[in-house]
Amino acid sequence: MDINRSVEVARLFKEIMSLFRQHMGKCFEDIGLTMPQSMVIGILSRCGKMKISELSDELGLSNSTVSGIIDRLEKQNIVKRERSRKDRRVVYVSLCSSFEEMHKDFHKKVEENIANIINTGTPEEIEKIIEGFKTLKKLFARPER
């Protein structure tokens, strides 16, 4: 494939991800969350209790930045901090049980939002999207040469 087509694929992928983030950002705003806060929540829901340093590594953000995000989420009763019993310097973060149900509802909203967007396409367009994503996934999954 010539370099121009590769650049076009990369550019389109970046534009699609930007549009996707914009749509998701609106969903998060509806429930009073910022994108970074929602990323923290997503990681915690997937991984469970984590050290702030682990969250920072996962997000690619500094410990102080993540700590600030955690402060705001803690004030909203979304996450809780716990000190390690073995080492008081270590702080773990997890989702509050009261937020778990709200999180499930939120996931449902996100799925509905995506479905509403996708369903504006024709069956043929949707099939092309699915095939394109399958192909892209296959290309990314190939071992590096």
N, C-alpha and C. Protein backbone atom coordinates (compact mmCIF):
# COMPACT_ATOMS: atom_id res chain seq x y z
N MET A 1 0.86 -1.17 0.00
CA MET A 1 0.00 0.00 0.00
C MET A 1 0.91 1.23 0.00
N ASP A 2 0.52 2.23 -0.76
CA ASP A 2 1.38 3.41 -0.78
C ASP A 2 1.18 4.23 0.50
N ILE A 3 2.18 5.04 0.80
CA ILE A 3 2.22 5.80 2.05
C ILE A 3 1.03 6.75 2.19
N ASN A 4 0.54 7.31 1.09
CA ASN A 4 -0.60 8.23 1.16
C ASN A 4 -1.86 7.55 1.67
N ARG A 5 -2.08 6.30 1.26
CA ARG A 5 -3.26 5.55 1.73
C ARG A 5 -3.12 5.25 3.23
N SER A 6 -1.91 4.90 3.65
CA SER A 6 -1.67 4.65 5.08
C SER A 6 -1.94 5.89 5.90
N VAL A 7 -1.48 7.04 5.40
CA VAL A 7 -1.70 8.30 6.10
C VAL A 7 -3.20 8.61 6.15
N GLU A 8 -3.91 8.33 5.07
CA GLU A 8 -5.35 8.57 5.04
C GLU A 8 -6.08 7.70 6.06
N VAL A 9 -5.68 6.42 6.16
CA VAL A 9 -6.29 5.52 7.15
C VAL A 9 -6.04 6.06 8.56
N ALA A 10 -4.80 6.46 8.83
CA ALA A 10 -4.46 6.98 10.16
C ALA A 10 -5.25 8.26 10.46
N ARG A 11 -5.35 9.15 9.48
CA ARG A 11 -6.08 10.41 9.66
C ARG A 11 -7.56 10.15 9.94
N LEU A 12 -8.16 9.26 9.15
CA LEU A 12 -9.58 8.94 9.34
C LEU A 12 -9.82 8.30 10.71
N PHE A 13 -8.92 7.41 11.10
CA PHE A 13 -9.05 6.75 12.39
C PHE A 13 -9.00 7.79 13.52
N LYS A 14 -8.07 8.72 13.42
CA LYS A 14 -7.93 9.78 14.42
C LYS A 14 -9.20 10.64 14.46
N GLU A 15 -9.74 10.99 13.30
CA GLU A 15 -10.96 11.81 13.24
C GLU A 15 -12.15 11.07 13.84
N ILE A 16 -12.26 9.77 13.55
CA ILE A 16 -13.36 8.97 14.10
C ILE A 16 -13.25 8.90 15.62
N MET A 17 -12.04 8.68 16.12
CA MET A 17 -11.85 8.62 17.57
C MET A 17 -12.20 9.95 18.23
N SER A 18 -11.86 11.05 17.57
CA SER A 18 -12.19 12.37 18.10
C SER A 18 -13.71 12.56 18.16
N LEU A 19 -14.40 12.19 17.10
CA LEU A 19 -15.87 12.29 17.08
C LEU A 19 -16.49 11.38 18.14
N PHE A 20 -15.93 10.18 18.29
CA PHE A 20 -16.43 9.23 19.29
C PHE A 20 -16.27 9.84 20.70
N ARG A 21 -15.09 10.42 20.97
CA ARG A 21 -14.86 11.05 22.28
C ARG A 21 -15.85 12.20 22.52
N GLN A 22 -16.15 12.97 21.47
CA GLN A 22 -17.11 14.07 21.62
C GLN A 22 -18.48 13.54 22.02
N HIS A 23 -18.93 12.48 21.34
CA HIS A 23 -20.24 11.89 21.67
C HIS A 23 -20.24 11.31 23.08
N MET A 24 -19.16 10.63 23.44
CA MET A 24 -19.09 10.05 24.78
C MET A 24 -19.00 11.15 25.83
N GLY A 25 -18.28 12.22 25.51
CA GLY A 25 -18.17 13.35 26.43
C GLY A 25 -19.53 13.92 26.79
N LYS A 26 -20.43 13.97 25.80
CA LYS A 26 -21.79 14.46 26.07
C LYS A 26 -22.53 13.53 27.02
N CYS A 27 -22.34 12.24 26.86
CA CYS A 27 -22.96 11.28 27.79
C CYS A 27 -22.44 11.49 29.21
N PHE A 28 -21.13 11.70 29.33
CA PHE A 28 -20.52 11.90 30.64
C PHE A 28 -21.01 13.21 31.27
N GLU A 29 -21.10 14.26 30.45
CA GLU A 29 -21.58 15.54 30.95
C GLU A 29 -22.99 15.41 31.51
N ASP A 30 -23.81 14.60 30.87
CA ASP A 30 -25.20 14.42 31.32
C ASP A 30 -25.27 13.91 32.75
N ILE A 31 -24.26 13.15 33.18
CA ILE A 31 -24.27 12.66 34.56
C ILE A 31 -23.24 13.38 35.42
N GLY A 32 -22.69 14.49 34.91
CA GLY A 32 -21.79 15.33 35.70
C GLY A 32 -20.36 14.84 35.80
N LEU A 33 -19.87 14.12 34.80
CA LEU A 33 -18.50 13.62 34.83
C LEU A 33 -17.69 14.20 33.67
N THR A 34 -16.40 14.38 33.92
CA THR A 34 -15.50 14.78 32.85
C THR A 34 -14.95 13.52 32.19
N MET A 35 -14.33 13.69 31.03
CA MET A 35 -13.75 12.55 30.33
C MET A 35 -12.68 11.85 31.19
N PRO A 36 -11.73 12.58 31.81
CA PRO A 36 -10.74 11.90 32.66
C PRO A 36 -11.39 11.14 33.83
N GLN A 37 -12.43 11.72 34.41
CA GLN A 37 -13.13 11.02 35.50
C GLN A 37 -13.75 9.73 34.98
N SER A 38 -14.34 9.79 33.81
CA SER A 38 -14.97 8.59 33.26
C SER A 38 -13.93 7.53 32.90
N MET A 39 -12.74 7.97 32.50
CA MET A 39 -11.67 7.01 32.20
C MET A 39 -11.24 6.29 33.47
N VAL A 40 -11.12 7.03 34.57
CA VAL A 40 -10.77 6.42 35.86
C VAL A 40 -11.84 5.40 36.25
N ILE A 41 -13.09 5.79 36.13
CA ILE A 41 -14.20 4.89 36.48
C ILE A 41 -14.17 3.64 35.61
N GLY A 42 -13.93 3.81 34.33
CA GLY A 42 -13.86 2.67 33.42
C GLY A 42 -12.77 1.69 33.81
N ILE A 43 -11.60 2.21 34.14
CA ILE A 43 -10.48 1.34 34.53
C ILE A 43 -10.79 0.63 35.84
N LEU A 44 -11.34 1.37 36.81
CA LEU A 44 -11.67 0.75 38.10
C LEU A 44 -12.76 -0.30 37.96
N SER A 45 -13.72 -0.06 37.07
CA SER A 45 -14.79 -1.06 36.90
C SER A 45 -14.24 -2.32 36.25
N ARG A 46 -13.24 -2.16 35.38
CA ARG A 46 -12.64 -3.30 34.70
C ARG A 46 -11.62 -4.04 35.57
N CYS A 47 -10.84 -3.28 36.34
CA CYS A 47 -9.72 -3.87 37.08
C CYS A 47 -9.96 -4.04 38.58
N GLY A 48 -10.95 -3.35 39.12
CA GLY A 48 -11.19 -3.42 40.56
C GLY A 48 -10.25 -2.50 41.32
N LYS A 49 -10.04 -2.80 42.58
CA LYS A 49 -9.23 -1.96 43.46
C LYS A 49 -7.80 -1.84 42.92
N MET A 50 -7.30 -0.60 42.88
CA MET A 50 -5.96 -0.33 42.35
C MET A 50 -5.26 0.73 43.18
N LYS A 51 -3.93 0.69 43.13
CA LYS A 51 -3.13 1.77 43.72
C LYS A 51 -3.23 2.98 42.80
N ILE A 52 -3.09 4.16 43.38
CA ILE A 52 -3.12 5.38 42.57
C ILE A 52 -2.00 5.33 41.54
N SER A 53 -0.84 4.81 41.91
CA SER A 53 0.28 4.72 40.97
C SER A 53 -0.05 3.81 39.79
N GLU A 54 -0.79 2.73 40.04
CA GLU A 54 -1.21 1.83 38.96
C GLU A 54 -2.19 2.54 38.01
N LEU A 55 -3.13 3.28 38.61
CA LEU A 55 -4.08 4.06 37.81
C LEU A 55 -3.33 5.08 36.95
N SER A 56 -2.35 5.75 37.55
CA SER A 56 -1.56 6.75 36.84
C SER A 56 -0.86 6.12 35.64
N ASP A 57 -0.26 4.95 35.86
CA ASP A 57 0.42 4.25 34.76
C ASP A 57 -0.56 3.89 33.66
N GLU A 58 -1.71 3.39 34.05
CA GLU A 58 -2.73 2.97 33.08
C GLU A 58 -3.23 4.15 32.24
N LEU A 59 -3.36 5.31 32.88
CA LEU A 59 -3.88 6.50 32.20
C LEU A 59 -2.79 7.31 31.50
N GLY A 60 -1.53 7.07 31.89
CA GLY A 60 -0.44 7.86 31.34
C GLY A 60 -0.43 9.28 31.91
N LEU A 61 -0.89 9.41 33.16
CA LEU A 61 -0.94 10.71 33.82
C LEU A 61 -0.12 10.66 35.11
N SER A 62 0.25 11.82 35.62
CA SER A 62 1.04 11.86 36.86
C SER A 62 0.18 11.45 38.05
N ASN A 63 0.85 11.01 39.12
CA ASN A 63 0.13 10.64 40.34
C ASN A 63 -0.67 11.82 40.89
N SER A 64 -0.10 13.03 40.82
CA SER A 64 -0.80 14.20 41.37
C SER A 64 -2.06 14.52 40.55
N THR A 65 -1.99 14.36 39.23
CA THR A 65 -3.17 14.60 38.39
C THR A 65 -4.26 13.60 38.72
N VAL A 66 -3.89 12.33 38.80
CA VAL A 66 -4.87 11.28 39.11
C VAL A 66 -5.43 11.48 40.52
N SER A 67 -4.58 11.89 41.44
CA SER A 67 -5.04 12.15 42.80
C SER A 67 -6.10 13.25 42.82
N GLY A 68 -5.92 14.29 42.01
CA GLY A 68 -6.92 15.36 41.92
C GLY A 68 -8.24 14.85 41.36
N ILE A 69 -8.14 13.98 40.33
CA ILE A 69 -9.36 13.39 39.75
C ILE A 69 -10.07 12.54 40.81
N ILE A 70 -9.29 11.76 41.56
CA ILE A 70 -9.84 10.91 42.62
C ILE A 70 -10.50 11.78 43.70
N ASP A 71 -9.88 12.91 44.04
CA ASP A 71 -10.47 13.82 45.04
C ASP A 71 -11.89 14.21 44.64
N ARG A 72 -12.05 14.60 43.37
CA ARG A 72 -13.37 15.04 42.91
C ARG A 72 -14.37 13.87 42.86
N LEU A 73 -13.90 12.71 42.45
CA LEU A 73 -14.80 11.54 42.41
C LEU A 73 -15.18 11.08 43.82
N GLU A 74 -14.27 11.25 44.75
CA GLU A 74 -14.55 10.88 46.14
C GLU A 74 -15.62 11.80 46.73
N LYS A 75 -15.54 13.08 46.40
CA LYS A 75 -16.55 14.05 46.88
C LYS A 75 -17.94 13.72 46.34
N GLN A 76 -17.99 13.08 45.16
CA GLN A 76 -19.27 12.70 44.55
C GLN A 76 -19.71 11.30 45.00
N ASN A 77 -18.99 10.70 45.93
CA ASN A 77 -19.27 9.34 46.42
C ASN A 77 -19.26 8.30 45.31
N ILE A 78 -18.33 8.46 44.37
CA ILE A 78 -18.19 7.51 43.28
C ILE A 78 -17.06 6.54 43.57
N VAL A 79 -15.97 7.05 44.17
CA VAL A 79 -14.85 6.19 44.54
C VAL A 79 -14.54 6.37 46.02
N LYS A 80 -13.78 5.42 46.54
CA LYS A 80 -13.31 5.53 47.92
C LYS A 80 -11.83 5.17 47.96
N ARG A 81 -11.13 5.79 48.89
CA ARG A 81 -9.72 5.51 49.12
C ARG A 81 -9.59 4.62 50.35
N GLU A 82 -8.63 3.72 50.29
CA GLU A 82 -8.32 2.88 51.45
C GLU A 82 -6.82 2.75 51.57
N ARG A 83 -6.31 2.93 52.77
CA ARG A 83 -4.88 2.74 53.01
C ARG A 83 -4.60 1.25 53.20
N SER A 84 -3.45 0.82 52.70
CA SER A 84 -3.04 -0.57 52.87
C SER A 84 -2.80 -0.84 54.35
N ARG A 85 -3.18 -2.01 54.79
CA ARG A 85 -2.93 -2.39 56.19
C ARG A 85 -1.46 -2.75 56.39
N LYS A 86 -0.83 -3.21 55.32
CA LYS A 86 0.58 -3.62 55.40
C LYS A 86 1.53 -2.44 55.30
N ASP A 87 1.17 -1.45 54.47
CA ASP A 87 2.03 -0.30 54.25
C ASP A 87 1.15 0.94 54.16
N ARG A 88 1.13 1.75 55.21
CA ARG A 88 0.24 2.91 55.30
C ARG A 88 0.49 3.95 54.22
N ARG A 89 1.66 3.88 53.55
CA ARG A 89 1.96 4.84 52.48
C ARG A 89 1.19 4.51 51.21
N VAL A 90 0.75 3.26 51.09
CA VAL A 90 0.05 2.81 49.88
C VAL A 90 -1.45 3.09 50.01
N VAL A 91 -2.00 3.74 48.98
CA VAL A 91 -3.42 4.07 48.96
C VAL A 91 -4.08 3.35 47.79
N TYR A 92 -5.15 2.62 48.09
CA TYR A 92 -5.93 1.94 47.05
C TYR A 92 -7.19 2.75 46.76
N VAL A 93 -7.65 2.65 45.53
CA VAL A 93 -8.88 3.32 45.11
C VAL A 93 -9.80 2.27 44.53
N SER A 94 -11.08 2.36 44.86
CA SER A 94 -12.08 1.45 44.27
C SER A 94 -13.39 2.20 44.12
N LEU A 95 -14.28 1.63 43.31
CA LEU A 95 -15.60 2.23 43.14
C LEU A 95 -16.44 1.97 44.38
N CYS A 96 -17.24 2.95 44.76
CA CYS A 96 -18.19 2.77 45.87
C CYS A 96 -19.30 1.84 45.40
N SER A 97 -19.77 1.02 46.30
CA SER A 97 -20.84 0.08 45.92
C SER A 97 -22.10 0.83 45.48
N SER A 98 -22.33 2.02 46.04
CA SER A 98 -23.51 2.80 45.65
C SER A 98 -23.42 3.27 44.20
N PHE A 99 -22.22 3.36 43.67
CA PHE A 99 -22.06 3.82 42.29
C PHE A 99 -22.21 2.68 41.30
N GLU A 100 -22.02 1.45 41.73
CA GLU A 100 -22.06 0.29 40.84
C GLU A 100 -23.35 0.25 40.00
N GLU A 101 -24.49 0.47 40.64
CA GLU A 101 -25.77 0.42 39.92
C GLU A 101 -25.89 1.56 38.92
N MET A 102 -25.46 2.75 39.34
CA MET A 102 -25.49 3.90 38.45
C MET A 102 -24.58 3.66 37.24
N HIS A 103 -23.47 2.99 37.47
CA HIS A 103 -22.51 2.69 36.40
C HIS A 103 -23.13 1.77 35.37
N LYS A 104 -23.90 0.79 35.82
CA LYS A 104 -24.59 -0.12 34.89
C LYS A 104 -25.58 0.65 34.02
N ASP A 105 -26.33 1.55 34.64
CA ASP A 105 -27.27 2.38 33.90
C ASP A 105 -26.55 3.26 32.89
N PHE A 106 -25.40 3.78 33.29
CA PHE A 106 -24.63 4.63 32.40
C PHE A 106 -24.16 3.84 31.18
N HIS A 107 -23.66 2.62 31.41
CA HIS A 107 -23.23 1.78 30.29
C HIS A 107 -24.38 1.55 29.31
N LYS A 108 -25.56 1.34 29.85
CA LYS A 108 -26.73 1.14 29.01
C LYS A 108 -26.99 2.38 28.16
N LYS A 109 -26.86 3.57 28.76
CA LYS A 109 -27.04 4.83 28.04
C LYS A 109 -26.03 4.97 26.91
N VAL A 110 -24.77 4.64 27.20
CA VAL A 110 -23.71 4.73 26.20
C VAL A 110 -24.01 3.80 25.03
N GLU A 111 -24.40 2.58 25.34
CA GLU A 111 -24.72 1.61 24.28
C GLU A 111 -25.90 2.10 23.43
N GLU A 112 -26.91 2.68 24.09
CA GLU A 112 -28.06 3.22 23.36
C GLU A 112 -27.64 4.38 22.47
N ASN A 113 -26.76 5.24 22.99
CA ASN A 113 -26.27 6.38 22.21
C ASN A 113 -25.55 5.90 20.95
N ILE A 114 -24.68 4.93 21.11
CA ILE A 114 -23.94 4.38 19.96
C ILE A 114 -24.92 3.73 18.99
N ALA A 115 -25.86 2.97 19.51
CA ALA A 115 -26.84 2.30 18.65
C ALA A 115 -27.65 3.32 17.86
N ASN A 116 -28.04 4.41 18.51
CA ASN A 116 -28.81 5.45 17.82
C ASN A 116 -28.03 6.05 16.66
N ILE A 117 -26.74 6.25 16.87
CA ILE A 117 -25.90 6.80 15.80
C ILE A 117 -25.75 5.79 14.67
N ILE A 118 -25.38 4.57 15.01
CA ILE A 118 -25.14 3.53 14.01
C ILE A 118 -26.42 3.20 13.23
N ASN A 119 -27.54 3.20 13.93
CA ASN A 119 -28.81 2.85 13.28
C ASN A 119 -29.29 3.87 12.25
N THR A 120 -28.61 5.02 12.17
CA THR A 120 -28.97 5.98 11.12
C THR A 120 -28.39 5.54 9.77
N GLY A 121 -27.48 4.56 9.81
CA GLY A 121 -26.90 4.04 8.57
C GLY A 121 -27.80 2.98 7.95
N THR A 122 -27.59 2.76 6.66
CA THR A 122 -28.33 1.68 5.98
C THR A 122 -27.70 0.34 6.38
N PRO A 123 -28.42 -0.76 6.20
CA PRO A 123 -27.83 -2.07 6.50
C PRO A 123 -26.52 -2.29 5.73
N GLU A 124 -26.45 -1.79 4.51
CA GLU A 124 -25.23 -1.96 3.71
C GLU A 124 -24.07 -1.18 4.33
N GLU A 125 -24.34 0.05 4.78
CA GLU A 125 -23.30 0.87 5.41
C GLU A 125 -22.81 0.22 6.70
N ILE A 126 -23.75 -0.29 7.48
CA ILE A 126 -23.38 -0.94 8.75
C ILE A 126 -22.53 -2.17 8.47
N GLU A 127 -22.87 -2.93 7.47
CA GLU A 127 -22.08 -4.12 7.11
C GLU A 127 -20.67 -3.72 6.68
N LYS A 128 -20.56 -2.63 5.91
CA LYS A 128 -19.23 -2.14 5.50
C LYS A 128 -18.39 -1.74 6.72
N ILE A 129 -19.04 -1.09 7.68
CA ILE A 129 -18.33 -0.68 8.91
C ILE A 129 -17.82 -1.90 9.66
N ILE A 130 -18.68 -2.89 9.82
CA ILE A 130 -18.29 -4.11 10.54
C ILE A 130 -17.13 -4.80 9.83
N GLU A 131 -17.23 -4.94 8.52
CA GLU A 131 -16.16 -5.58 7.75
C GLU A 131 -14.86 -4.77 7.84
N GLY A 132 -14.98 -3.44 7.77
CA GLY A 132 -13.80 -2.59 7.88
C GLY A 132 -13.12 -2.72 9.23
N PHE A 133 -13.92 -2.74 10.29
CA PHE A 133 -13.34 -2.89 11.63
C PHE A 133 -12.71 -4.27 11.81
N LYS A 134 -13.35 -5.30 11.28
CA LYS A 134 -12.76 -6.65 11.37
C LYS A 134 -11.41 -6.69 10.67
N THR A 135 -11.34 -6.07 9.50
CA THR A 135 -10.09 -6.04 8.75
C THR A 135 -9.03 -5.25 9.51
N LEU A 136 -9.40 -4.09 10.04
CA LEU A 136 -8.46 -3.27 10.79
C LEU A 136 -7.95 -4.02 12.02
N LYS A 137 -8.84 -4.68 12.72
CA LYS A 137 -8.45 -5.47 13.89
C LYS A 137 -7.47 -6.56 13.49
N LYS A 138 -7.76 -7.23 12.39
CA LYS A 138 -6.87 -8.31 11.91
C LYS A 138 -5.48 -7.76 11.60
N LEU A 139 -5.43 -6.60 10.95
CA LEU A 139 -4.14 -6.00 10.61
C LEU A 139 -3.35 -5.61 11.87
N PHE A 140 -4.03 -5.05 12.84
CA PHE A 140 -3.36 -4.67 14.09
C PHE A 140 -2.93 -5.89 14.90
N ALA A 141 -3.65 -6.98 14.78
CA ALA A 141 -3.34 -8.19 15.56
C ALA A 141 -2.18 -8.99 14.98
N ARG A 142 -1.80 -8.70 13.74
CA ARG A 142 -0.69 -9.44 13.15
C ARG A 142 0.60 -9.18 13.92
N PRO A 143 1.40 -10.22 14.04
CA PRO A 143 2.70 -10.00 14.71
C PRO A 143 3.54 -9.02 13.88
N GLU A 144 4.33 -8.22 14.60
CA GLU A 144 5.17 -7.25 13.89
C GLU A 144 6.22 -7.99 13.07
N ARG A 145 6.53 -7.38 11.95
CA ARG A 145 7.52 -8.01 11.07
C ARG A 145 8.89 -7.51 11.36
